[in-house]
Amino acid sequence: AIFLICEVIRLILCRIANVTVPYFNWHGLWAPKQLEGTMDDAIAAKLAIGEGRQADLEQERLELQALNSDRFRHRFLDRNRPWVLNHLVELITPRSLASVGPDGRPLTEFVRDVY
């Protein structure tokens, strides 16, 4: 009896999946979407989105290049020295403080002399 009920439900669901109901804009579960325009239009739209993204990527690359320059770093430290000094404890981890600075001395001494 349960097998028969399951089979009836399966048949009903298969029928619903393939039926078209224009009033509800339902074209069946497995029907392909109706594309407006041609495939070339869809491809052109995707390429246009990619062009804008390419400009964004180039801008990000230039910004990253500027952030990695020594000139930017020195200017940033000169302009933000008070903030950096106030937040130095949050910026440098205890593991970093235990390491050696660029001049071979402990990092704590190096930082103290620089700032």
C-alpha atoms as a PDB file:
ATOM      1  CA  ALA A   1       0.000   0.000   0.000  1.00  0.00           C
ATOM      2  CA  ILE A   2       2.799   2.441   0.919  1.00  0.00           C
ATOM      3  CA  PHE A   3       4.674   1.504  -2.250  1.00  0.00           C
ATOM      4  CA  LEU A   4       1.586   2.287  -4.327  1.00  0.00           C
ATOM      5  CA  ILE A   5       1.132   5.695  -2.639  1.00  0.00           C
ATOM      6  CA  CYS A   6       4.801   6.555  -3.229  1.00  0.00           C
ATOM      7  CA  GLU A   7       4.537   5.528  -6.878  1.00  0.00           C
ATOM      8  CA  VAL A   8       1.424   7.700  -7.385  1.00  0.00           C
ATOM      9  CA  ILE A   9       3.157  10.675  -5.758  1.00  0.00           C
ATOM     10  CA  ARG A  10       6.221  10.117  -7.956  1.00  0.00           C
ATOM     11  CA  LEU A  11       4.093  10.087 -11.105  1.00  0.00           C
ATOM     12  CA  ILE A  12       2.271  13.264 -10.076  1.00  0.00           C
ATOM     13  CA  LEU A  13       5.536  15.064  -9.328  1.00  0.00           C
ATOM     14  CA  CYS A  14       7.068  13.951 -12.632  1.00  0.00           C
ATOM     15  CA  ARG A  15       4.024  15.309 -14.449  1.00  0.00           C
ATOM     16  CA  ILE A  16       4.185  18.631 -12.569  1.00  0.00           C
ATOM     17  CA  ALA A  17       7.900  18.929 -13.358  1.00  0.00           C
ATOM     18  CA  ASN A  18       7.218  18.740 -17.110  1.00  0.00           C
ATOM     19  CA  VAL A  19       3.947  20.670 -17.431  1.00  0.00           C
ATOM     20  CA  THR A  20       3.856  24.276 -18.680  1.00  0.00           C
ATOM     21  CA  VAL A  21       1.602  26.803 -16.944  1.00  0.00           C
ATOM     22  CA  PRO A  22       1.865  30.171 -18.748  1.00  0.00           C
ATOM     23  CA  TYR A  23      -0.356  31.946 -16.190  1.00  0.00           C
ATOM     24  CA  PHE A  24       2.271  31.362 -13.472  1.00  0.00           C
ATOM     25  CA  ASN A  25       5.163  31.727 -15.952  1.00  0.00           C
ATOM     26  CA  TRP A  26       6.040  28.098 -15.155  1.00  0.00           C
ATOM     27  CA  HIS A  27       7.688  26.196 -17.986  1.00  0.00           C
ATOM     28  CA  GLY A  28       8.473  23.007 -16.126  1.00  0.00           C
ATOM     29  CA  LEU A  29      11.244  22.147 -13.754  1.00  0.00           C
ATOM     30  CA  TRP A  30      13.728  21.071 -16.410  1.00  0.00           C
ATOM     31  CA  ALA A  31      12.863  23.592 -19.137  1.00  0.00           C
ATOM     32  CA  PRO A  32      15.694  25.901 -20.247  1.00  0.00           C
ATOM     33  CA  LYS A  33      15.312  29.562 -19.416  1.00  0.00           C
ATOM     34  CA  GLN A  34      14.121  31.782 -22.210  1.00  0.00           C
ATOM     35  CA  LEU A  35      16.926  34.164 -23.041  1.00  0.00           C
ATOM     36  CA  GLU A  36      16.085  37.572 -24.369  1.00  0.00           C
ATOM     37  CA  GLY A  37      18.416  38.608 -27.149  1.00  0.00           C
ATOM     38  CA  THR A  38      21.098  36.430 -28.609  1.00  0.00           C
ATOM     39  CA  MET A  39      23.951  34.556 -27.017  1.00  0.00           C
ATOM     40  CA  ASP A  40      26.282  37.223 -28.400  1.00  0.00           C
ATOM     41  CA  ASP A  41      24.448  39.817 -26.298  1.00  0.00           C
ATOM     42  CA  ALA A  42      24.938  37.721 -23.160  1.00  0.00           C
ATOM     43  CA  ILE A  43      28.629  37.223 -23.922  1.00  0.00           C
ATOM     44  CA  ALA A  44      29.083  40.921 -24.685  1.00  0.00           C
ATOM     45  CA  ALA A  45      27.451  41.845 -21.381  1.00  0.00           C
ATOM     46  CA  LYS A  46      29.791  39.526 -19.493  1.00  0.00           C
ATOM     47  CA  LEU A  47      32.815  40.972 -21.304  1.00  0.00           C
ATOM     48  CA  ALA A  48      31.657  44.514 -20.481  1.00  0.00           C
ATOM     49  CA  ILE A  49      31.512  43.558 -16.801  1.00  0.00           C
ATOM     50  CA  GLY A  50      35.017  42.117 -17.142  1.00  0.00           C
ATOM     51  CA  GLU A  51      36.329  45.362 -18.623  1.00  0.00           C
ATOM     52  CA  GLY A  52      35.211  47.335 -15.588  1.00  0.00           C
ATOM     53  CA  ARG A  53      36.739  44.717 -13.326  1.00  0.00           C
ATOM     54  CA  GLN A  54      40.020  44.953 -15.254  1.00  0.00           C
ATOM     55  CA  ALA A  55      40.199  48.682 -14.504  1.00  0.00           C
ATOM     56  CA  ASP A  56      39.519  47.955 -10.818  1.00  0.00           C
ATOM     57  CA  LEU A  57      42.264  45.326 -10.760  1.00  0.00           C
ATOM     58  CA  GLU A  58      44.709  47.769 -12.314  1.00  0.00           C
ATOM     59  CA  GLN A  59      43.807  50.412  -9.718  1.00  0.00           C
ATOM     60  CA  GLU A  60      44.277  47.874  -6.911  1.00  0.00           C
ATOM     61  CA  ARG A  61      47.665  46.892  -8.358  1.00  0.00           C
ATOM     62  CA  LEU A  62      48.792  50.531  -8.434  1.00  0.00           C
ATOM     63  CA  GLU A  63      47.599  51.095  -4.862  1.00  0.00           C
ATOM     64  CA  LEU A  64      49.399  47.980  -3.651  1.00  0.00           C
ATOM     65  CA  GLN A  65      52.547  49.073  -5.436  1.00  0.00           C
ATOM     66  CA  ALA A  66      52.313  52.472  -3.724  1.00  0.00           C
ATOM     67  CA  LEU A  67      51.743  50.838  -0.318  1.00  0.00           C
ATOM     68  CA  ASN A  68      54.880  48.755  -0.766  1.00  0.00           C
ATOM     69  CA  SER A  69      57.118  51.723  -1.580  1.00  0.00           C
ATOM     70  CA  ASP A  70      59.509  53.069   1.051  1.00  0.00           C
ATOM     71  CA  ARG A  71      58.476  56.647   0.242  1.00  0.00           C
ATOM     72  CA  PHE A  72      54.865  55.872   1.197  1.00  0.00           C
ATOM     73  CA  ARG A  73      55.929  54.067   4.365  1.00  0.00           C
ATOM     74  CA  HIS A  74      58.106  56.947   5.540  1.00  0.00           C
ATOM     75  CA  ARG A  75      55.420  59.522   4.745  1.00  0.00           C
ATOM     76  CA  PHE A  76      52.803  57.415   6.549  1.00  0.00           C
ATOM     77  CA  LEU A  77      54.987  57.067   9.659  1.00  0.00           C
ATOM     78  CA  ASP A  78      55.831  60.787   9.671  1.00  0.00           C
ATOM     79  CA  ARG A  79      52.187  61.819   9.443  1.00  0.00           C
ATOM     80  CA  ASN A  80      50.815  59.176  11.824  1.00  0.00           C
ATOM     81  CA  ARG A  81      53.584  58.929  14.410  1.00  0.00           C
ATOM     82  CA  PRO A  82      51.356  59.875  17.403  1.00  0.00           C
ATOM     83  CA  TRP A  83      48.730  57.285  16.467  1.00  0.00           C
ATOM     84  CA  VAL A  84      51.339  54.596  15.872  1.00  0.00           C
ATOM     85  CA  LEU A  85      52.961  55.294  19.238  1.00  0.00           C
ATOM     86  CA  ASN A  86      49.603  55.142  21.048  1.00  0.00           C
ATOM     87  CA  HIS A  87      48.666  51.840  19.397  1.00  0.00           C
ATOM     88  CA  LEU A  88      52.080  50.199  19.234  1.00  0.00           C
ATOM     89  CA  VAL A  89      51.138  47.630  21.867  1.00  0.00           C
ATOM     90  CA  GLU A  90      48.207  46.501  19.690  1.00  0.00           C
ATOM     91  CA  LEU A  91      50.256  46.513  16.477  1.00  0.00           C
ATOM     92  CA  ILE A  92      53.222  44.402  17.568  1.00  0.00           C
ATOM     93  CA  THR A  93      52.533  40.923  18.902  1.00  0.00           C
ATOM     94  CA  PRO A  94      54.485  39.461  21.837  1.00  0.00           C
ATOM     95  CA  ARG A  95      56.014  36.925  19.467  1.00  0.00           C
ATOM     96  CA  SER A  96      57.292  39.756  17.253  1.00  0.00           C
ATOM     97  CA  LEU A  97      58.676  41.640  20.246  1.00  0.00           C
ATOM     98  CA  ALA A  98      60.718  38.576  21.204  1.00  0.00           C
ATOM     99  CA  SER A  99      62.378  38.507  17.763  1.00  0.00           C
ATOM    100  CA  VAL A 100      65.496  40.293  16.544  1.00  0.00           C
ATOM    101  CA  GLY A 101      65.227  43.682  14.837  1.00  0.00           C
ATOM    102  CA  PRO A 102      66.716  44.569  11.434  1.00  0.00           C
ATOM    103  CA  ASP A 103      69.949  45.803  13.030  1.00  0.00           C
ATOM    104  CA  GLY A 104      70.539  42.614  15.018  1.00  0.00           C
ATOM    105  CA  ARG A 105      69.443  43.998  18.393  1.00  0.00           C
ATOM    106  CA  PRO A 106      66.272  42.849  20.183  1.00  0.00           C
ATOM    107  CA  LEU A 107      63.191  44.332  18.533  1.00  0.00           C
ATOM    108  CA  THR A 108      62.116  46.154  21.708  1.00  0.00           C
ATOM    109  CA  GLU A 109      65.360  48.187  21.704  1.00  0.00           C
ATOM    110  CA  PHE A 110      65.091  48.869  17.971  1.00  0.00           C
ATOM    111  CA  VAL A 111      61.510  50.136  18.288  1.00  0.00           C
ATOM    112  CA  ARG A 112      62.400  52.264  21.311  1.00  0.00           C
ATOM    113  CA  ASP A 113      65.245  53.947  19.368  1.00  0.00           C
ATOM    114  CA  VAL A 114      63.183  54.482  16.207  1.00  0.00           C
ATOM    115  CA  TYR A 115      60.204  56.036  17.969  1.00  0.00           C
END
